[in-house]
Amino acid sequence: MRDITMQISAGQWGDALRRQVTRSRPILLFSAVLFVAVMGVAGFMSKWLGQGIWYFTNDPATVTEHSWSLGIVSQFGILLWAAAVAVCALAGALLWPFSEQRPWALFAHASAALSMVYLLDDALILHESVLRDHLGIPELVSYGVYGALGLAYLLRFAWAIHQTDYVLLLASLALGGFSMAVDLVNPYLFLLEDGAKFLAVILWFAYYFQAMSVILRARLPAQTSRARSV
């Protein structure tokens, strides 16, 4: 009897796992593509720069043999950028199935995309190392492009931002602009530049966490109850 019960239980587990794999195919494919892309870039850079693969896969503190506290403020900032991306992307995914909420879903996805651009620049030091030192693009040009992207975003979604507590976003943008100005005038004022940038990132995350929470609370319950009643 116990053997039969175990066989039935194993069969149920197997069926459940197969159903989960079937449902998870898109996200599994995305995960595989992301893994191959990132590791492929790491492998290419390893050959291009003549560095071992460990140079690109290990933590910076391990590679440089420095303390775990190396760049700790910058690392916290990157975590907050990533959190903002996740919050906005999740809000967009939850709102997208409801056609009348598509404008808000687009706002959330655009917010995630813009946050991702700034995250990549901050994490990889694109404006200072890759673009300036390797491609010869001045920092002023890079800052101009990032500013233009931000301005286009603000103009496109002004209707949505106006319905949120945007004072946090304005403060974040002002501090970010101040940090970039300090970097251009005197890049050695580290506390002033990096302190302003870190506070800007904190406020950026705080704004989107609050804004997306309010948007979801105001719109998802009614949509969910309507969907259940159909």
Protein backbone atom coordinates (compact mmCIF):
# COMPACT_ATOMS: atom_id res chain seq x y z
CA MET A 1 0.00 0.00 0.00
CA ARG A 2 2.81 2.36 0.89
CA ASP A 3 4.56 1.59 -2.43
CA ILE A 4 1.39 2.38 -4.37
CA THR A 5 0.95 5.65 -2.48
CA MET A 6 4.56 6.62 -3.19
CA GLN A 7 4.13 5.82 -6.89
CA ILE A 8 0.98 7.96 -7.10
CA SER A 9 2.71 10.80 -5.25
CA ALA A 10 5.75 10.57 -7.53
CA GLY A 11 3.48 10.59 -10.58
CA GLN A 12 1.66 13.68 -9.34
CA TRP A 13 4.95 15.44 -8.68
CA GLY A 14 6.16 14.51 -12.16
CA ASP A 15 2.98 15.82 -13.81
CA ALA A 16 3.18 19.03 -11.79
CA LEU A 17 6.81 19.57 -12.80
CA ARG A 18 6.02 18.98 -16.48
CA ARG A 19 3.17 21.50 -16.35
CA GLN A 20 5.41 24.03 -14.65
CA VAL A 21 8.13 23.58 -17.27
CA THR A 22 5.55 24.08 -20.03
CA ARG A 23 4.19 27.25 -18.43
CA SER A 24 7.69 28.54 -17.73
CA ARG A 25 9.06 28.13 -21.26
CA PRO A 26 9.15 31.87 -22.05
CA ILE A 27 10.94 32.81 -18.83
CA LEU A 28 13.27 29.81 -19.14
CA LEU A 29 14.13 30.90 -22.68
CA PHE A 30 14.73 34.46 -21.48
CA SER A 31 16.98 33.18 -18.68
CA ALA A 32 18.97 31.03 -21.10
CA VAL A 33 19.40 33.87 -23.61
CA LEU A 34 20.48 36.28 -20.86
CA PHE A 35 22.99 33.77 -19.50
CA VAL A 36 24.48 33.04 -22.92
CA ALA A 37 24.63 36.75 -23.82
CA VAL A 38 26.37 37.86 -20.62
CA MET A 39 28.79 34.94 -20.50
CA GLY A 40 29.44 35.35 -24.22
CA VAL A 41 30.38 38.99 -23.72
CA ALA A 42 32.61 37.98 -20.80
CA GLY A 43 34.30 35.35 -22.96
CA PHE A 44 34.82 37.81 -25.81
CA MET A 45 36.31 40.43 -23.50
CA SER A 46 38.53 37.79 -21.94
CA LYS A 47 40.05 37.05 -25.36
CA TRP A 48 40.08 40.69 -26.47
CA LEU A 49 41.79 42.06 -23.35
CA GLY A 50 43.92 39.00 -22.64
CA GLN A 51 42.47 38.51 -19.16
CA GLY A 52 41.37 35.26 -17.54
CA ILE A 53 37.63 34.63 -17.43
CA TRP A 54 37.75 34.93 -13.64
CA TYR A 55 38.59 38.62 -14.12
CA PHE A 56 35.04 39.18 -15.40
CA THR A 57 33.06 36.71 -13.30
CA ASN A 58 34.42 37.39 -9.80
CA ASP A 59 33.59 40.26 -7.46
CA PRO A 60 35.71 43.42 -7.87
CA ALA A 61 37.01 43.13 -4.31
CA THR A 62 38.16 39.56 -5.00
CA VAL A 63 39.80 40.43 -8.31
CA THR A 64 41.66 43.43 -6.88
CA GLU A 65 42.36 41.66 -3.56
CA HIS A 66 40.90 44.57 -1.63
CA SER A 67 38.48 44.75 1.29
CA TRP A 68 34.85 43.69 0.89
CA SER A 69 33.97 47.34 1.53
CA LEU A 70 35.46 48.43 -1.81
CA GLY A 71 32.95 50.76 -3.48
CA ILE A 72 30.25 49.91 -0.95
CA VAL A 73 28.28 53.15 -1.48
CA SER A 74 28.37 52.63 -5.24
CA GLN A 75 27.21 49.03 -4.79
CA PHE A 76 24.26 50.15 -2.68
CA GLY A 77 23.39 52.64 -5.41
CA ILE A 78 23.42 49.88 -8.04
CA LEU A 79 21.15 47.77 -5.83
CA LEU A 80 18.68 50.67 -5.66
CA TRP A 81 18.82 51.16 -9.44
CA ALA A 82 18.06 47.46 -9.88
CA ALA A 83 15.23 47.64 -7.34
CA ALA A 84 13.67 50.54 -9.25
CA VAL A 85 13.88 48.54 -12.49
CA ALA A 86 12.22 45.54 -10.84
CA VAL A 87 9.42 47.58 -9.25
CA CYS A 88 8.55 49.32 -12.52
CA ALA A 89 8.81 46.17 -14.64
CA LEU A 90 6.57 44.22 -12.25
CA ALA A 91 3.98 47.01 -12.22
CA GLY A 92 3.99 47.09 -16.01
CA ALA A 93 3.57 43.31 -16.22
CA LEU A 94 0.61 43.38 -13.82
CA LEU A 95 -1.15 46.23 -15.65
CA TRP A 96 -0.50 45.10 -19.24
CA PRO A 97 -3.24 42.40 -19.48
CA PHE A 98 -5.95 45.06 -18.98
CA SER A 99 -6.36 47.01 -22.22
CA GLU A 100 -7.67 50.17 -20.54
CA GLN A 101 -4.58 50.23 -18.32
CA ARG A 102 -2.10 49.93 -21.20
CA PRO A 103 -1.04 53.62 -20.98
CA TRP A 104 -0.08 53.08 -17.34
CA ALA A 105 1.65 49.83 -18.23
CA LEU A 106 3.67 51.66 -20.89
CA PHE A 107 4.59 54.30 -18.32
CA ALA A 108 5.81 51.59 -15.97
CA HIS A 109 7.78 49.78 -18.67
CA ALA A 110 9.33 53.02 -19.94
CA SER A 111 10.32 53.87 -16.36
CA ALA A 112 11.96 50.45 -16.05
CA ALA A 113 13.81 50.91 -19.35
CA LEU A 114 15.11 54.37 -18.42
CA SER A 115 16.19 53.11 -15.00
CA MET A 116 17.99 50.22 -16.70
CA VAL A 117 19.91 52.63 -18.95
CA TYR A 118 21.07 54.63 -15.93
CA LEU A 119 21.81 51.41 -14.03
CA LEU A 120 24.07 50.11 -16.80
CA ASP A 121 25.91 53.41 -17.04
CA ASP A 122 26.47 53.54 -13.29
CA ALA A 123 27.44 49.88 -12.93
CA LEU A 124 29.77 49.73 -15.94
CA ILE A 125 30.97 53.36 -15.77
CA LEU A 126 30.02 53.70 -19.44
CA HIS A 127 30.27 57.50 -19.69
CA GLU A 128 33.70 57.62 -18.07
CA SER A 129 35.48 54.42 -19.05
CA VAL A 130 33.92 52.71 -22.06
CA LEU A 131 32.60 55.70 -24.02
CA ARG A 132 35.29 58.24 -23.15
CA ASP A 133 38.45 56.17 -22.78
CA HIS A 134 37.78 53.44 -25.36
CA LEU A 135 35.48 55.08 -27.92
CA GLY A 136 36.63 58.68 -27.59
CA ILE A 137 33.17 60.08 -26.81
CA PRO A 138 33.44 63.04 -24.40
CA GLU A 139 31.60 62.84 -21.11
CA LEU A 140 29.64 65.97 -21.99
CA VAL A 141 28.18 64.20 -25.03
CA SER A 142 27.25 61.15 -22.96
CA TYR A 143 25.60 63.31 -20.33
CA GLY A 144 23.75 65.14 -23.11
CA VAL A 145 22.38 61.87 -24.49
CA TYR A 146 21.27 60.68 -21.06
CA GLY A 147 19.68 64.06 -20.42
CA ALA A 148 17.86 63.94 -23.77
CA LEU A 149 16.51 60.47 -22.96
CA GLY A 150 15.28 61.70 -19.60
CA LEU A 151 13.67 64.79 -21.14
CA ALA A 152 11.92 62.72 -23.83
CA TYR A 153 10.61 60.41 -21.11
CA LEU A 154 9.33 63.33 -19.02
CA LEU A 155 7.56 64.90 -22.00
CA ARG A 156 6.03 61.63 -23.17
CA PHE A 157 4.70 60.63 -19.76
CA ALA A 158 4.05 64.04 -18.22
CA TRP A 159 0.36 63.11 -17.91
CA ALA A 160 1.23 60.14 -15.68
CA ILE A 161 3.96 61.83 -13.65
CA HIS A 162 1.60 64.75 -12.95
CA GLN A 163 -0.74 62.32 -11.15
CA THR A 164 2.00 61.11 -8.79
CA ASP A 165 3.96 62.76 -5.97
CA TYR A 166 6.65 63.87 -8.40
CA VAL A 167 8.55 66.05 -5.93
CA LEU A 168 10.77 63.03 -5.21
CA LEU A 169 11.52 62.63 -8.91
CA LEU A 170 12.31 66.32 -9.34
CA ALA A 171 14.66 66.22 -6.35
CA SER A 172 16.37 63.14 -7.77
CA LEU A 173 16.85 64.76 -11.17
CA ALA A 174 18.19 67.96 -9.60
CA LEU A 175 20.71 66.06 -7.50
CA GLY A 176 21.72 63.91 -10.47
CA GLY A 177 22.30 67.01 -12.57
CA PHE A 178 24.31 68.59 -9.78
CA SER A 179 26.47 65.46 -9.49
CA MET A 180 27.18 65.48 -13.23
CA ALA A 181 28.06 69.19 -13.11
CA VAL A 182 30.53 68.60 -10.28
CA ASP A 183 32.07 65.71 -12.22
CA LEU A 184 32.62 67.94 -15.25
CA VAL A 185 33.99 70.91 -13.27
CA ASN A 186 36.15 69.07 -10.72
CA PRO A 187 36.07 65.24 -10.75
CA TYR A 188 38.11 65.10 -7.53
CA LEU A 189 35.33 66.40 -5.27
CA PHE A 190 34.37 62.81 -4.52
CA LEU A 191 32.18 63.34 -1.47
CA LEU A 192 30.18 66.09 -3.14
CA GLU A 193 29.77 64.30 -6.47
CA ASP A 194 29.19 60.78 -5.17
CA GLY A 195 27.10 61.91 -2.21
CA ALA A 196 24.74 63.86 -4.46
CA LYS A 197 24.51 60.94 -6.89
CA PHE A 198 23.77 58.42 -4.13
CA LEU A 199 21.01 60.59 -2.69
CA ALA A 200 19.63 61.03 -6.21
CA VAL A 201 19.45 57.24 -6.64
CA ILE A 202 17.76 56.83 -3.25
CA LEU A 203 15.10 59.37 -4.21
CA TRP A 204 14.72 57.79 -7.67
CA PHE A 205 13.93 54.42 -6.12
CA ALA A 206 11.69 56.00 -3.47
CA TYR A 207 9.68 57.83 -6.14
CA TYR A 208 9.05 54.78 -8.29
CA PHE A 209 8.33 52.51 -5.33
CA GLN A 210 5.71 54.96 -4.08
CA ALA A 211 4.31 55.81 -7.51
CA MET A 212 3.94 52.21 -8.69
CA SER A 213 2.44 51.15 -5.36
CA VAL A 214 -0.21 53.88 -5.59
CA ILE A 215 -0.94 53.11 -9.25
CA LEU A 216 -1.39 49.39 -8.60
CA ARG A 217 -3.56 49.90 -5.51
CA ALA A 218 -5.80 52.28 -7.43
CA ARG A 219 -6.22 50.14 -10.55
CA LEU A 220 -5.63 46.44 -10.00
CA PRO A 221 -8.44 45.58 -7.51
CA ALA A 222 -11.22 46.95 -9.73
CA GLN A 223 -9.76 45.24 -12.77
CA THR A 224 -9.38 41.93 -10.92
CA SER A 225 -12.95 41.93 -9.61
CA ARG A 226 -14.24 42.80 -13.09
CA ALA A 227 -12.26 39.95 -14.63
CA ARG A 228 -13.64 37.49 -12.06
CA SER A 229 -17.23 38.56 -12.71
CA VAL A 230 -16.98 37.95 -16.48
